[in-house]
Amino acid sequence: MTSMFTNNQRQQERTGRYGTSRLQYLQELVTQFQNSSEDEIKEKILANLANFAYDPYNFNFLRQLNVLELFLDCVTEPNEKIIEFGVGGICNSCVDPANATIVAGVGGIPLIIQCLSSPVRNTINYALGALYYICNESNKEEVLKPEVIDVIKRYAAAEEVSVSFSNLAKAFLDKHLSRNY
């Protein structure tokens, strides 16, 4: 059975002796993103980076290359696809507590909270997931503001609109609030 995630041996097998290292490849993606002025190209690169954020093998590389901060910068863009992929990358990477700490530490929580009012369903789902992983003892007062809880409670009650919103919102409330929300 092969793992869904990468390890050093699997990475060596996939790239071969003369292949591009993962760090180098990710650096190339970041550079291409930063040098591009075309939204469509930026969207594709960002979607690619967000996919790499799924795999724990890449977490150190993403931190080294400041990709978490890049994802947060994208959340402030006017392009909804770039916002979606930016917060998607945040959500994917914040499964790791070290990444969640970085995102919270550089002011990411208010940016993620803004995404809860996005017109794009995936953006909302990613924001709910990111908040689920980021919220902890050191930042719960910033995350668990009454207006944020109200929005999350509305999503929890909106099963007929979106089962995924509802399920994610309920999981958030179950984890971070007392049972009697």
N, C-alpha and C. Protein backbone atom coordinates (compact mmCIF):
# COMPACT_ATOMS: atom_id res chain seq x y z
N MET A 1 0.84 -1.18 0.00
CA MET A 1 0.00 0.00 0.00
C MET A 1 0.89 1.25 0.00
N THR A 2 0.64 2.14 -0.92
CA THR A 2 1.41 3.38 -0.95
C THR A 2 0.68 4.45 -0.16
N SER A 3 1.47 5.24 0.47
CA SER A 3 0.93 6.31 1.29
C SER A 3 0.50 7.47 0.40
N MET A 4 -0.48 8.19 0.87
CA MET A 4 -0.94 9.38 0.18
C MET A 4 0.09 10.50 0.31
N PHE A 5 0.95 10.40 1.29
CA PHE A 5 1.93 11.44 1.57
C PHE A 5 3.32 10.99 1.13
N THR A 6 4.19 11.94 0.97
CA THR A 6 5.54 11.70 0.49
C THR A 6 6.49 11.51 1.67
N ASN A 7 7.52 10.73 1.43
CA ASN A 7 8.64 10.65 2.37
C ASN A 7 9.92 10.77 1.54
N ASN A 8 11.06 10.80 2.19
CA ASN A 8 12.32 11.01 1.47
C ASN A 8 12.58 9.93 0.42
N GLN A 9 12.33 8.67 0.78
CA GLN A 9 12.58 7.59 -0.16
C GLN A 9 11.66 7.70 -1.38
N ARG A 10 10.40 7.93 -1.15
CA ARG A 10 9.44 8.05 -2.26
C ARG A 10 9.79 9.24 -3.14
N GLN A 11 10.20 10.33 -2.52
CA GLN A 11 10.57 11.52 -3.28
C GLN A 11 11.78 11.23 -4.16
N GLN A 12 12.77 10.51 -3.63
CA GLN A 12 13.96 10.14 -4.40
C GLN A 12 13.57 9.26 -5.58
N GLU A 13 12.67 8.31 -5.36
CA GLU A 13 12.22 7.42 -6.43
C GLU A 13 11.50 8.21 -7.53
N ARG A 14 10.73 9.21 -7.15
CA ARG A 14 9.93 9.97 -8.11
C ARG A 14 10.77 10.96 -8.92
N THR A 15 11.81 11.52 -8.32
CA THR A 15 12.58 12.54 -9.02
C THR A 15 13.84 11.97 -9.67
N GLY A 16 14.30 10.81 -9.23
CA GLY A 16 15.51 10.24 -9.80
C GLY A 16 16.75 10.98 -9.31
N ARG A 17 17.89 10.49 -9.71
CA ARG A 17 19.15 11.04 -9.25
C ARG A 17 19.35 12.49 -9.70
N TYR A 18 18.88 12.83 -10.91
CA TYR A 18 19.15 14.15 -11.47
C TYR A 18 17.90 15.04 -11.52
N GLY A 19 16.86 14.63 -10.84
CA GLY A 19 15.63 15.41 -10.84
C GLY A 19 15.73 16.66 -9.97
N THR A 20 14.74 17.48 -10.11
CA THR A 20 14.65 18.71 -9.32
C THR A 20 14.20 18.36 -7.91
N SER A 21 14.88 18.89 -6.91
CA SER A 21 14.46 18.64 -5.53
C SER A 21 13.12 19.33 -5.27
N ARG A 22 12.41 18.85 -4.28
CA ARG A 22 11.12 19.44 -3.96
C ARG A 22 11.27 20.91 -3.58
N LEU A 23 12.26 21.21 -2.76
CA LEU A 23 12.48 22.60 -2.36
C LEU A 23 12.73 23.48 -3.58
N GLN A 24 13.57 23.02 -4.48
CA GLN A 24 13.87 23.79 -5.69
C GLN A 24 12.62 23.97 -6.54
N TYR A 25 11.84 22.91 -6.68
CA TYR A 25 10.61 22.98 -7.48
C TYR A 25 9.63 23.99 -6.88
N LEU A 26 9.44 23.92 -5.57
CA LEU A 26 8.53 24.86 -4.91
C LEU A 26 9.05 26.29 -5.03
N GLN A 27 10.36 26.47 -4.93
CA GLN A 27 10.95 27.80 -5.11
C GLN A 27 10.66 28.33 -6.51
N GLU A 28 10.76 27.45 -7.50
CA GLU A 28 10.46 27.85 -8.88
C GLU A 28 9.00 28.28 -9.02
N LEU A 29 8.09 27.55 -8.38
CA LEU A 29 6.67 27.92 -8.42
C LEU A 29 6.45 29.30 -7.79
N VAL A 30 7.05 29.51 -6.63
CA VAL A 30 6.90 30.80 -5.94
C VAL A 30 7.44 31.93 -6.82
N THR A 31 8.59 31.72 -7.41
CA THR A 31 9.19 32.75 -8.27
C THR A 31 8.30 33.03 -9.48
N GLN A 32 7.78 31.97 -10.10
CA GLN A 32 6.87 32.16 -11.24
C GLN A 32 5.63 32.95 -10.82
N PHE A 33 5.11 32.61 -9.65
CA PHE A 33 3.92 33.32 -9.16
C PHE A 33 4.23 34.80 -8.98
N GLN A 34 5.35 35.09 -8.33
CA GLN A 34 5.71 36.48 -8.04
C GLN A 34 6.02 37.27 -9.30
N ASN A 35 6.54 36.60 -10.32
CA ASN A 35 6.92 37.30 -11.55
C ASN A 35 5.79 37.41 -12.57
N SER A 36 4.69 36.73 -12.33
CA SER A 36 3.59 36.74 -13.29
C SER A 36 2.66 37.91 -13.03
N SER A 37 2.17 38.49 -14.10
CA SER A 37 1.17 39.55 -13.96
C SER A 37 -0.19 39.06 -14.47
N GLU A 38 -0.26 37.84 -14.99
CA GLU A 38 -1.51 37.30 -15.52
C GLU A 38 -2.24 36.50 -14.44
N ASP A 39 -3.48 36.89 -14.18
CA ASP A 39 -4.26 36.22 -13.14
C ASP A 39 -4.41 34.72 -13.40
N GLU A 40 -4.64 34.34 -14.65
CA GLU A 40 -4.87 32.93 -14.96
C GLU A 40 -3.64 32.08 -14.60
N ILE A 41 -2.47 32.58 -14.90
CA ILE A 41 -1.23 31.87 -14.57
C ILE A 41 -1.06 31.82 -13.05
N LYS A 42 -1.31 32.95 -12.38
CA LYS A 42 -1.20 33.00 -10.92
C LYS A 42 -2.16 32.01 -10.27
N GLU A 43 -3.39 31.91 -10.80
CA GLU A 43 -4.38 30.98 -10.26
C GLU A 43 -3.87 29.54 -10.35
N LYS A 44 -3.32 29.16 -11.50
CA LYS A 44 -2.83 27.79 -11.69
C LYS A 44 -1.67 27.49 -10.75
N ILE A 45 -0.74 28.42 -10.63
CA ILE A 45 0.41 28.21 -9.75
C ILE A 45 -0.04 28.12 -8.30
N LEU A 46 -0.95 29.00 -7.91
CA LEU A 46 -1.45 29.00 -6.53
C LEU A 46 -2.21 27.72 -6.21
N ALA A 47 -3.01 27.23 -7.16
CA ALA A 47 -3.71 25.96 -6.96
C ALA A 47 -2.70 24.84 -6.76
N ASN A 48 -1.62 24.87 -7.52
CA ASN A 48 -0.57 23.88 -7.40
C ASN A 48 0.09 23.96 -6.02
N LEU A 49 0.43 25.17 -5.58
CA LEU A 49 1.04 25.34 -4.25
C LEU A 49 0.09 24.87 -3.15
N ALA A 50 -1.21 25.19 -3.30
CA ALA A 50 -2.19 24.76 -2.30
C ALA A 50 -2.26 23.23 -2.22
N ASN A 51 -2.12 22.56 -3.37
CA ASN A 51 -2.10 21.10 -3.36
C ASN A 51 -0.87 20.56 -2.65
N PHE A 52 0.27 21.21 -2.82
CA PHE A 52 1.47 20.78 -2.11
C PHE A 52 1.31 20.97 -0.60
N ALA A 53 0.45 21.89 -0.19
CA ALA A 53 0.24 22.16 1.23
C ALA A 53 -0.51 21.03 1.92
N TYR A 54 -1.05 20.08 1.18
CA TYR A 54 -1.71 18.91 1.77
C TYR A 54 -0.73 17.96 2.44
N ASP A 55 0.47 17.89 1.89
CA ASP A 55 1.41 16.84 2.25
C ASP A 55 2.39 17.30 3.33
N PRO A 56 2.38 16.63 4.49
CA PRO A 56 3.31 17.02 5.56
C PRO A 56 4.78 17.05 5.13
N TYR A 57 5.15 16.27 4.12
CA TYR A 57 6.52 16.28 3.62
C TYR A 57 6.93 17.69 3.19
N ASN A 58 5.98 18.48 2.74
CA ASN A 58 6.27 19.81 2.20
C ASN A 58 6.21 20.93 3.23
N PHE A 59 5.75 20.66 4.44
CA PHE A 59 5.53 21.73 5.42
C PHE A 59 6.78 22.56 5.68
N ASN A 60 7.91 21.91 5.90
CA ASN A 60 9.15 22.66 6.15
C ASN A 60 9.52 23.52 4.96
N PHE A 61 9.36 22.98 3.76
CA PHE A 61 9.69 23.74 2.56
C PHE A 61 8.78 24.97 2.44
N LEU A 62 7.51 24.78 2.71
CA LEU A 62 6.55 25.89 2.61
C LEU A 62 6.90 26.99 3.61
N ARG A 63 7.31 26.58 4.80
CA ARG A 63 7.72 27.57 5.81
C ARG A 63 9.00 28.28 5.36
N GLN A 64 9.95 27.51 4.88
CA GLN A 64 11.23 28.06 4.44
C GLN A 64 11.04 29.10 3.34
N LEU A 65 10.11 28.86 2.44
CA LEU A 65 9.89 29.73 1.28
C LEU A 65 8.83 30.80 1.53
N ASN A 66 8.34 30.90 2.77
CA ASN A 66 7.31 31.87 3.15
C ASN A 66 6.03 31.73 2.33
N VAL A 67 5.69 30.50 1.99
CA VAL A 67 4.48 30.26 1.20
C VAL A 67 3.23 30.53 2.02
N LEU A 68 3.29 30.31 3.34
CA LEU A 68 2.12 30.58 4.18
C LEU A 68 1.77 32.07 4.10
N GLU A 69 2.78 32.92 4.14
CA GLU A 69 2.55 34.37 4.02
C GLU A 69 2.06 34.72 2.62
N LEU A 70 2.55 34.02 1.61
CA LEU A 70 2.07 34.22 0.25
C LEU A 70 0.59 33.88 0.15
N PHE A 71 0.18 32.76 0.76
CA PHE A 71 -1.24 32.40 0.78
C PHE A 71 -2.07 33.52 1.41
N LEU A 72 -1.58 34.05 2.53
CA LEU A 72 -2.32 35.12 3.21
C LEU A 72 -2.39 36.38 2.35
N ASP A 73 -1.31 36.72 1.67
CA ASP A 73 -1.34 37.88 0.75
C ASP A 73 -2.42 37.69 -0.30
N CYS A 74 -2.59 36.47 -0.76
CA CYS A 74 -3.57 36.19 -1.81
C CYS A 74 -5.00 36.41 -1.34
N VAL A 75 -5.22 36.24 -0.05
CA VAL A 75 -6.57 36.42 0.51
C VAL A 75 -7.01 37.89 0.41
N THR A 76 -6.06 38.80 0.23
CA THR A 76 -6.39 40.23 0.13
C THR A 76 -6.55 40.69 -1.32
N GLU A 77 -6.43 39.78 -2.26
CA GLU A 77 -6.54 40.13 -3.69
C GLU A 77 -8.00 40.33 -4.09
N PRO A 78 -8.25 41.07 -5.18
CA PRO A 78 -9.62 41.24 -5.67
C PRO A 78 -10.14 40.02 -6.44
N ASN A 79 -9.26 39.16 -6.92
CA ASN A 79 -9.63 38.00 -7.72
C ASN A 79 -10.14 36.87 -6.81
N GLU A 80 -11.40 36.46 -7.00
CA GLU A 80 -12.01 35.44 -6.12
C GLU A 80 -11.32 34.09 -6.21
N LYS A 81 -10.81 33.73 -7.39
CA LYS A 81 -10.10 32.44 -7.53
C LYS A 81 -8.79 32.47 -6.74
N ILE A 82 -8.09 33.60 -6.79
CA ILE A 82 -6.84 33.71 -6.05
C ILE A 82 -7.12 33.67 -4.54
N ILE A 83 -8.19 34.33 -4.12
CA ILE A 83 -8.58 34.26 -2.70
C ILE A 83 -8.89 32.80 -2.32
N GLU A 84 -9.67 32.12 -3.17
CA GLU A 84 -10.06 30.73 -2.90
C GLU A 84 -8.84 29.83 -2.74
N PHE A 85 -7.90 29.92 -3.68
CA PHE A 85 -6.72 29.06 -3.61
C PHE A 85 -5.80 29.47 -2.46
N GLY A 86 -5.76 30.76 -2.15
CA GLY A 86 -4.95 31.22 -1.02
C GLY A 86 -5.45 30.66 0.30
N VAL A 87 -6.76 30.80 0.54
CA VAL A 87 -7.30 30.28 1.80
C VAL A 87 -7.34 28.75 1.78
N GLY A 88 -7.43 28.15 0.59
CA GLY A 88 -7.32 26.69 0.48
C GLY A 88 -5.95 26.21 0.91
N GLY A 89 -4.91 26.93 0.49
CA GLY A 89 -3.55 26.59 0.91
C GLY A 89 -3.36 26.75 2.40
N ILE A 90 -3.98 27.80 2.95
CA ILE A 90 -3.91 28.01 4.41
C ILE A 90 -4.59 26.84 5.13
N CYS A 91 -5.78 26.49 4.68
CA CYS A 91 -6.52 25.39 5.29
C CYS A 91 -5.70 24.10 5.24
N ASN A 92 -5.17 23.79 4.06
CA ASN A 92 -4.40 22.55 3.90
C ASN A 92 -3.17 22.51 4.80
N SER A 93 -2.49 23.63 4.92
CA SER A 93 -1.24 23.64 5.66
C SER A 93 -1.44 23.76 7.17
N CYS A 94 -2.58 24.30 7.59
CA CYS A 94 -2.79 24.52 9.04
C CYS A 94 -3.17 23.27 9.81
N VAL A 95 -3.25 22.15 9.12
CA VAL A 95 -3.39 20.88 9.83
C VAL A 95 -2.18 20.72 10.75
N ASP A 96 -1.04 21.26 10.32
CA ASP A 96 0.18 21.23 11.09
C ASP A 96 0.18 22.37 12.10
N PRO A 97 0.30 22.08 13.40
CA PRO A 97 0.26 23.15 14.41
C PRO A 97 1.32 24.23 14.22
N ALA A 98 2.50 23.87 13.73
CA ALA A 98 3.54 24.88 13.51
C ALA A 98 3.09 25.87 12.42
N ASN A 99 2.46 25.36 11.38
CA ASN A 99 1.95 26.24 10.33
C ASN A 99 0.81 27.10 10.85
N ALA A 100 -0.08 26.51 11.64
CA ALA A 100 -1.19 27.27 12.22
C ALA A 100 -0.67 28.41 13.09
N THR A 101 0.39 28.14 13.85
CA THR A 101 0.99 29.17 14.70
C THR A 101 1.55 30.31 13.87
N ILE A 102 2.21 29.98 12.77
CA ILE A 102 2.75 31.02 11.88
C ILE A 102 1.62 31.86 11.30
N VAL A 103 0.59 31.22 10.77
CA VAL A 103 -0.52 31.95 10.16
C VAL A 103 -1.18 32.88 11.18
N ALA A 104 -1.41 32.37 12.38
CA ALA A 104 -2.01 33.21 13.42
C ALA A 104 -1.06 34.34 13.81
N GLY A 105 0.23 34.04 13.89
CA GLY A 105 1.22 35.01 14.33
C GLY A 105 1.47 36.16 13.38
N VAL A 106 1.18 35.96 12.11
CA VAL A 106 1.38 37.04 11.13
C VAL A 106 0.07 37.73 10.75
N GLY A 107 -0.93 37.61 11.62
CA GLY A 107 -2.18 38.33 11.41
C GLY A 107 -3.16 37.65 10.47
N GLY A 108 -3.06 36.35 10.34
CA GLY A 108 -3.91 35.63 9.40
C GLY A 108 -5.35 35.42 9.84
N ILE A 109 -5.61 35.43 11.14
CA ILE A 109 -6.96 35.11 11.61
C ILE A 109 -8.02 36.08 11.07
N PRO A 110 -7.83 37.40 11.15
CA PRO A 110 -8.85 38.29 10.60
C PRO A 110 -9.06 38.11 9.09
N LEU A 111 -7.99 37.78 8.37
CA LEU A 111 -8.11 37.55 6.93
C LEU A 111 -8.94 36.30 6.64
N ILE A 112 -8.73 35.27 7.43
CA ILE A 112 -9.51 34.04 7.26
C ILE A 112 -10.97 34.30 7.62
N ILE A 113 -11.20 35.03 8.70
CA ILE A 113 -12.57 35.35 9.11
C ILE A 113 -13.30 36.11 8.01
N GLN A 114 -12.60 37.03 7.33
CA GLN A 114 -13.22 37.76 6.20
C GLN A 114 -13.73 36.80 5.13
N CYS A 115 -13.03 35.70 4.94
CA CYS A 115 -13.40 34.73 3.91
C CYS A 115 -14.72 34.02 4.20
N LEU A 116 -15.19 34.09 5.44
CA LEU A 116 -16.48 33.47 5.79
C LEU A 116 -17.65 34.14 5.07
N SER A 117 -17.44 35.37 4.59
CA SER A 117 -18.51 36.07 3.88
C SER A 117 -18.28 36.09 2.37
N SER A 118 -17.45 35.21 1.88
CA SER A 118 -17.15 35.13 0.44
C SER A 118 -18.38 34.66 -0.34
N PRO A 119 -18.50 35.09 -1.60
CA PRO A 119 -19.55 34.55 -2.46
C PRO A 119 -19.19 33.16 -3.02
N VAL A 120 -17.97 32.70 -2.77
CA VAL A 120 -17.48 31.43 -3.32
C VAL A 120 -17.56 30.34 -2.25
N ARG A 121 -18.32 29.29 -2.53
CA ARG A 121 -18.53 28.22 -1.55
C ARG A 121 -17.23 27.58 -1.08
N ASN A 122 -16.32 27.27 -2.00
CA ASN A 122 -15.06 26.65 -1.59
C ASN A 122 -14.28 27.55 -0.64
N THR A 123 -14.32 28.85 -0.89
CA THR A 123 -13.60 29.78 -0.02
C THR A 123 -14.15 29.70 1.40
N ILE A 124 -15.46 29.63 1.53
CA ILE A 124 -16.09 29.52 2.85
C ILE A 124 -15.69 28.21 3.51
N ASN A 125 -15.75 27.12 2.76
CA ASN A 125 -15.36 25.82 3.31
C ASN A 125 -13.92 25.84 3.80
N TYR A 126 -13.02 26.39 2.99
CA TYR A 126 -11.61 26.46 3.38
C TYR A 126 -11.43 27.34 4.62
N ALA A 127 -12.17 28.44 4.68
CA ALA A 127 -12.06 29.33 5.85
C ALA A 127 -12.53 28.62 7.11
N LEU A 128 -13.65 27.90 7.02
CA LEU A 128 -14.13 27.14 8.18
C LEU A 128 -13.10 26.10 8.61
N GLY A 129 -12.52 25.40 7.64
CA GLY A 129 -11.50 24.40 7.96
C GLY A 129 -10.26 25.02 8.58
N ALA A 130 -9.82 26.15 8.01
CA ALA A 130 -8.63 26.81 8.55
C ALA A 130 -8.86 27.26 9.99
N LEU A 131 -10.02 27.85 10.25
CA LEU A 131 -10.32 28.29 11.61
C LEU A 131 -10.41 27.11 12.57
N TYR A 132 -10.94 26.00 12.09
CA TYR A 132 -11.02 24.78 12.90
C TYR A 132 -9.63 24.39 13.39
N TYR A 133 -8.65 24.42 12.47
CA TYR A 133 -7.29 24.00 12.83
C TYR A 133 -6.52 25.08 13.58
N ILE A 134 -6.75 26.33 13.29
CA ILE A 134 -5.96 27.41 13.89
C ILE A 134 -6.38 27.71 15.33
N CYS A 135 -7.66 27.64 15.61
CA CYS A 135 -8.16 28.03 16.92
C CYS A 135 -7.55 27.16 18.03
N ASN A 136 -6.94 27.83 19.00
CA ASN A 136 -6.37 27.12 20.15
C ASN A 136 -6.39 28.05 21.36
N GLU A 137 -5.83 27.59 22.45
CA GLU A 137 -5.86 28.37 23.70
C GLU A 137 -5.24 29.76 23.54
N SER A 138 -4.19 29.87 22.74
CA SER A 138 -3.47 31.15 22.66
C SER A 138 -4.17 32.19 21.79
N ASN A 139 -5.12 31.76 20.93
CA ASN A 139 -5.76 32.73 20.04
C ASN A 139 -7.29 32.64 20.02
N LYS A 140 -7.86 31.82 20.90
CA LYS A 140 -9.30 31.59 20.82
C LYS A 140 -10.12 32.86 21.02
N GLU A 141 -9.62 33.83 21.77
CA GLU A 141 -10.37 35.08 21.94
C GLU A 141 -10.47 35.85 20.62
N GLU A 142 -9.43 35.74 19.80
CA GLU A 142 -9.46 36.40 18.49
C GLU A 142 -10.39 35.67 17.52
N VAL A 143 -10.43 34.34 17.62
CA VAL A 143 -11.26 33.54 16.71
C VAL A 143 -12.72 33.51 17.17
N LEU A 144 -12.93 33.31 18.47
CA LEU A 144 -14.28 33.05 18.98
C LEU A 144 -15.02 34.33 19.36
N LYS A 145 -14.94 35.34 18.53
CA LYS A 145 -15.70 36.58 18.74
C LYS A 145 -17.17 36.30 18.48
N PRO A 146 -18.06 37.00 19.18
CA PRO A 146 -19.50 36.74 19.00
C PRO A 146 -19.96 36.80 17.54
N GLU A 147 -19.46 37.77 16.78
CA GLU A 147 -19.91 37.88 15.38
C GLU A 147 -19.42 36.70 14.54
N VAL A 148 -18.27 36.14 14.86
CA VAL A 148 -17.76 34.97 14.14
C VAL A 148 -18.58 33.75 14.51
N ILE A 149 -18.84 33.59 15.80
CA ILE A 149 -19.66 32.45 16.26
C ILE A 149 -21.05 32.52 15.63
N ASP A 150 -21.63 33.71 15.53
CA ASP A 150 -22.95 33.86 14.89
C ASP A 150 -22.94 33.36 13.45
N VAL A 151 -21.91 33.74 12.70
CA VAL A 151 -21.81 33.31 11.30
C VAL A 151 -21.66 31.79 11.25
N ILE A 152 -20.81 31.25 12.10
CA ILE A 152 -20.58 29.80 12.09
C ILE A 152 -21.85 29.06 12.50
N LYS A 153 -22.58 29.60 13.45
CA LYS A 153 -23.86 28.97 13.85
C LYS A 153 -24.86 28.99 12.70
N ARG A 154 -24.88 30.08 11.93
CA ARG A 154 -25.78 30.14 10.77
C ARG A 154 -25.40 29.08 9.74
N TYR A 155 -24.10 28.89 9.52
CA TYR A 155 -23.67 27.83 8.59
C TYR A 155 -24.03 26.46 9.14
N ALA A 156 -23.91 26.27 10.45
CA ALA A 156 -24.25 24.98 11.06
C ALA A 156 -25.73 24.66 10.86
N ALA A 157 -26.56 25.69 10.86
CA ALA A 157 -28.01 25.49 10.71
C ALA A 157 -28.45 25.43 9.25
N ALA A 158 -27.54 25.61 8.33
CA ALA A 158 -27.90 25.73 6.91
C ALA A 158 -27.71 24.43 6.14
N GLU A 159 -28.16 23.33 6.73
CA GLU A 159 -28.00 22.02 6.08
C GLU A 159 -28.62 21.97 4.69
N GLU A 160 -29.78 22.62 4.52
CA GLU A 160 -30.45 22.57 3.22
C GLU A 160 -29.71 23.39 2.16
N VAL A 161 -28.92 24.35 2.58
CA VAL A 161 -28.14 25.16 1.63
C VAL A 161 -26.85 24.44 1.26
N SER A 162 -26.14 23.95 2.27
CA SER A 162 -24.87 23.27 2.02
C SER A 162 -24.56 22.33 3.18
N VAL A 163 -24.55 21.06 2.87
CA VAL A 163 -24.22 20.07 3.89
C VAL A 163 -22.77 20.25 4.34
N SER A 164 -21.88 20.58 3.41
CA SER A 164 -20.46 20.73 3.81
C SER A 164 -20.28 21.92 4.75
N PHE A 165 -20.95 23.06 4.48
CA PHE A 165 -20.87 24.19 5.41
C PHE A 165 -21.35 23.74 6.78
N SER A 166 -22.51 23.11 6.76
CA SER A 166 -23.14 22.70 8.01
C SER A 166 -22.24 21.75 8.80
N ASN A 167 -21.70 20.74 8.13
CA ASN A 167 -20.86 19.77 8.82
C ASN A 167 -19.58 20.39 9.36
N LEU A 168 -18.93 21.22 8.55
CA LEU A 168 -17.71 21.88 9.01
C LEU A 168 -18.01 22.82 10.18
N ALA A 169 -19.09 23.57 10.07
CA ALA A 169 -19.45 24.51 11.13
C ALA A 169 -19.78 23.76 12.42
N LYS A 170 -20.51 22.66 12.30
CA LYS A 170 -20.84 21.87 13.49
C LYS A 170 -19.58 21.28 14.12
N ALA A 171 -18.65 20.81 13.29
CA ALA A 171 -17.39 20.27 13.81
C ALA A 171 -16.61 21.36 14.54
N PHE A 172 -16.60 22.57 13.97
CA PHE A 172 -15.92 23.69 14.62
C PHE A 172 -16.55 23.97 15.98
N LEU A 173 -17.87 24.08 16.01
CA LEU A 173 -18.57 24.38 17.26
C LEU A 173 -18.36 23.27 18.29
N ASP A 174 -18.40 22.02 17.85
CA ASP A 174 -18.18 20.89 18.76
C ASP A 174 -16.79 20.94 19.37
N LYS A 175 -15.80 21.30 18.57
CA LYS A 175 -14.42 21.30 19.05
C LYS A 175 -14.11 22.51 19.93
N HIS A 176 -14.64 23.69 19.57
CA HIS A 176 -14.17 24.92 20.19
C HIS A 176 -15.16 25.59 21.15
N LEU A 177 -16.39 25.13 21.18
CA LEU A 177 -17.36 25.69 22.13
C LEU A 177 -17.95 24.57 22.97
N SER A 178 -18.55 24.95 24.04
CA SER A 178 -19.18 23.94 24.89
C SER A 178 -20.32 23.30 24.11
N ARG A 179 -20.74 22.17 24.51
CA ARG A 179 -21.77 21.39 23.82
C ARG A 179 -23.10 22.14 23.63
N ASN A 180 -23.36 23.11 24.47
CA ASN A 180 -24.68 23.78 24.41
C ASN A 180 -24.65 25.07 23.59
N TYR A 181 -24.11 24.99 22.39
CA TYR A 181 -24.09 26.16 21.52
C TYR A 181 -25.44 26.30 20.90
